[in-house]
Amino acid sequence: MIMRAAIVSIAAAVDNVEAGHCTRREREELVLVCDRVAAALRGEIDRSTAIDGDVISAVTER
């Protein structure tokens, strides 16, 4: 469920990027979050490490 919430949050953040409603810093944070999610999906890192409250907060605050 946490992974789904993170992906939904990322999708919303991507919409903001595409609409031009975010700063360079926010775009860079989104890239880092996406990298962590991708690594978790590939099994390279533990999902709980990749998708924690801080990551979801960083994305949903945008």
N, C-alpha and C. Protein backbone atom coordinates (compact mmCIF):
# COMPACT_ATOMS: atom_id res chain seq x y z
N MET A 1 0.82 -1.20 0.00
CA MET A 1 0.00 0.00 0.00
C MET A 1 0.86 1.26 0.00
N ILE A 2 1.97 1.24 0.71
CA ILE A 2 2.86 2.40 0.73
C ILE A 2 3.44 2.65 -0.65
N MET A 3 3.81 1.57 -1.35
CA MET A 3 4.37 1.72 -2.70
C MET A 3 3.33 2.36 -3.62
N ARG A 4 2.09 1.94 -3.52
CA ARG A 4 1.03 2.52 -4.37
C ARG A 4 0.85 4.00 -4.06
N ALA A 5 0.85 4.35 -2.79
CA ALA A 5 0.71 5.75 -2.40
C ALA A 5 1.86 6.58 -2.95
N ALA A 6 3.06 6.03 -2.90
CA ALA A 6 4.21 6.76 -3.43
C ALA A 6 4.08 6.97 -4.93
N ILE A 7 3.64 5.95 -5.65
CA ILE A 7 3.51 6.06 -7.10
C ILE A 7 2.42 7.07 -7.46
N VAL A 8 1.32 7.05 -6.75
CA VAL A 8 0.24 8.02 -7.00
C VAL A 8 0.75 9.43 -6.72
N SER A 9 1.51 9.59 -5.65
CA SER A 9 2.07 10.90 -5.32
C SER A 9 3.04 11.37 -6.39
N ILE A 10 3.85 10.45 -6.88
CA ILE A 10 4.80 10.79 -7.94
C ILE A 10 4.05 11.22 -9.20
N ALA A 11 2.99 10.53 -9.52
CA ALA A 11 2.20 10.90 -10.70
C ALA A 11 1.66 12.32 -10.57
N ALA A 12 1.20 12.69 -9.39
CA ALA A 12 0.71 14.05 -9.17
C ALA A 12 1.84 15.06 -9.31
N ALA A 13 3.01 14.71 -8.80
CA ALA A 13 4.16 15.60 -8.91
C ALA A 13 4.59 15.76 -10.36
N VAL A 14 4.54 14.69 -11.13
CA VAL A 14 4.88 14.75 -12.55
C VAL A 14 3.91 15.68 -13.27
N ASP A 15 2.64 15.62 -12.92
CA ASP A 15 1.66 16.53 -13.51
C ASP A 15 2.05 17.99 -13.25
N ASN A 16 2.52 18.28 -12.04
CA ASN A 16 2.96 19.63 -11.71
C ASN A 16 4.17 20.04 -12.54
N VAL A 17 5.10 19.11 -12.72
CA VAL A 17 6.30 19.40 -13.53
C VAL A 17 5.88 19.72 -14.96
N GLU A 18 5.02 18.88 -15.51
CA GLU A 18 4.58 19.07 -16.89
C GLU A 18 3.81 20.38 -17.06
N ALA A 19 3.11 20.80 -16.04
CA ALA A 19 2.36 22.05 -16.10
C ALA A 19 3.23 23.26 -15.79
N GLY A 20 4.49 23.02 -15.42
CA GLY A 20 5.40 24.11 -15.11
C GLY A 20 5.19 24.73 -13.75
N HIS A 21 4.58 23.99 -12.83
CA HIS A 21 4.27 24.51 -11.50
C HIS A 21 5.23 24.03 -10.43
N CYS A 22 6.50 23.93 -10.74
CA CYS A 22 7.45 23.54 -9.70
C CYS A 22 8.81 24.16 -10.00
N THR A 23 9.62 24.19 -8.97
CA THR A 23 10.96 24.77 -9.08
C THR A 23 11.96 23.72 -9.52
N ARG A 24 13.15 24.18 -9.82
CA ARG A 24 14.23 23.26 -10.20
C ARG A 24 14.52 22.29 -9.06
N ARG A 25 14.55 22.80 -7.83
CA ARG A 25 14.81 21.95 -6.66
C ARG A 25 13.75 20.86 -6.53
N GLU A 26 12.50 21.21 -6.76
CA GLU A 26 11.42 20.23 -6.68
C GLU A 26 11.57 19.17 -7.76
N ARG A 27 11.98 19.58 -8.95
CA ARG A 27 12.21 18.60 -10.03
C ARG A 27 13.35 17.66 -9.66
N GLU A 28 14.41 18.20 -9.07
CA GLU A 28 15.54 17.36 -8.66
C GLU A 28 15.12 16.37 -7.58
N GLU A 29 14.29 16.82 -6.63
CA GLU A 29 13.78 15.92 -5.59
C GLU A 29 12.95 14.80 -6.21
N LEU A 30 12.14 15.15 -7.20
CA LEU A 30 11.31 14.15 -7.86
C LEU A 30 12.17 13.10 -8.54
N VAL A 31 13.25 13.52 -9.17
CA VAL A 31 14.16 12.57 -9.81
C VAL A 31 14.73 11.61 -8.77
N LEU A 32 15.15 12.13 -7.63
CA LEU A 32 15.71 11.27 -6.58
C LEU A 32 14.67 10.29 -6.05
N VAL A 33 13.45 10.77 -5.85
CA VAL A 33 12.39 9.89 -5.36
C VAL A 33 12.11 8.78 -6.37
N CYS A 34 12.03 9.15 -7.65
CA CYS A 34 11.78 8.15 -8.70
C CYS A 34 12.89 7.12 -8.75
N ASP A 35 14.13 7.57 -8.58
CA ASP A 35 15.26 6.63 -8.56
C ASP A 35 15.13 5.65 -7.41
N ARG A 36 14.71 6.14 -6.23
CA ARG A 36 14.56 5.25 -5.07
C ARG A 36 13.44 4.25 -5.28
N VAL A 37 12.33 4.72 -5.86
CA VAL A 37 11.21 3.81 -6.14
C VAL A 37 11.63 2.76 -7.15
N ALA A 38 12.32 3.17 -8.20
CA ALA A 38 12.77 2.22 -9.22
C ALA A 38 13.71 1.18 -8.62
N ALA A 39 14.63 1.60 -7.77
CA ALA A 39 15.55 0.67 -7.13
C ALA A 39 14.79 -0.32 -6.26
N ALA A 40 13.77 0.16 -5.56
CA ALA A 40 12.97 -0.74 -4.72
C ALA A 40 12.21 -1.74 -5.57
N LEU A 41 11.66 -1.28 -6.69
CA LEU A 41 10.92 -2.18 -7.57
C LEU A 41 11.82 -3.24 -8.19
N ARG A 42 13.07 -2.88 -8.45
CA ARG A 42 14.03 -3.84 -9.00
C ARG A 42 14.58 -4.77 -7.91
N GLY A 43 14.28 -4.47 -6.66
CA GLY A 43 14.75 -5.30 -5.56
C GLY A 43 16.17 -4.99 -5.14
N GLU A 44 16.69 -3.85 -5.57
CA GLU A 44 18.06 -3.48 -5.23
C GLU A 44 18.17 -2.95 -3.80
N ILE A 45 17.11 -2.38 -3.30
CA ILE A 45 17.09 -1.88 -1.93
C ILE A 45 15.77 -2.27 -1.29
N ASP A 46 15.75 -2.28 0.02
CA ASP A 46 14.55 -2.63 0.76
C ASP A 46 13.46 -1.58 0.52
N ARG A 47 12.26 -2.03 0.26
CA ARG A 47 11.16 -1.09 -0.01
C ARG A 47 10.92 -0.14 1.15
N SER A 48 11.02 -0.63 2.36
CA SER A 48 10.75 0.26 3.50
C SER A 48 11.81 1.35 3.59
N THR A 49 13.01 1.07 3.08
CA THR A 49 14.06 2.09 3.05
C THR A 49 13.78 3.10 1.95
N ALA A 50 13.31 2.62 0.81
CA ALA A 50 13.08 3.49 -0.33
C ALA A 50 11.82 4.32 -0.20
N ILE A 51 10.80 3.73 0.36
CA ILE A 51 9.49 4.39 0.41
C ILE A 51 9.10 4.58 1.87
N ASP A 52 9.54 5.67 2.42
CA ASP A 52 9.19 5.95 3.81
C ASP A 52 8.37 7.23 3.86
N GLY A 53 7.96 7.62 5.02
CA GLY A 53 7.14 8.81 5.18
C GLY A 53 7.79 10.06 4.63
N ASP A 54 9.12 10.17 4.77
CA ASP A 54 9.81 11.35 4.27
C ASP A 54 9.70 11.46 2.76
N VAL A 55 9.83 10.35 2.07
CA VAL A 55 9.73 10.36 0.61
C VAL A 55 8.33 10.77 0.18
N ILE A 56 7.34 10.16 0.77
CA ILE A 56 5.96 10.49 0.41
C ILE A 56 5.67 11.96 0.73
N SER A 57 6.15 12.45 1.86
CA SER A 57 5.95 13.85 2.22
C SER A 57 6.62 14.77 1.22
N ALA A 58 7.83 14.42 0.81
CA ALA A 58 8.56 15.26 -0.15
C ALA A 58 7.80 15.39 -1.45
N VAL A 59 7.13 14.33 -1.84
CA VAL A 59 6.40 14.35 -3.11
C VAL A 59 5.04 15.03 -2.95
N THR A 60 4.31 14.71 -1.89
CA THR A 60 2.95 15.22 -1.76
C THR A 60 2.90 16.69 -1.37
N GLU A 61 3.97 17.23 -0.81
CA GLU A 61 3.99 18.64 -0.46
C GLU A 61 3.98 19.52 -1.70
N ARG A 62 4.31 18.97 -2.83
CA ARG A 62 4.44 19.77 -4.06
C ARG A 62 3.09 19.99 -4.64
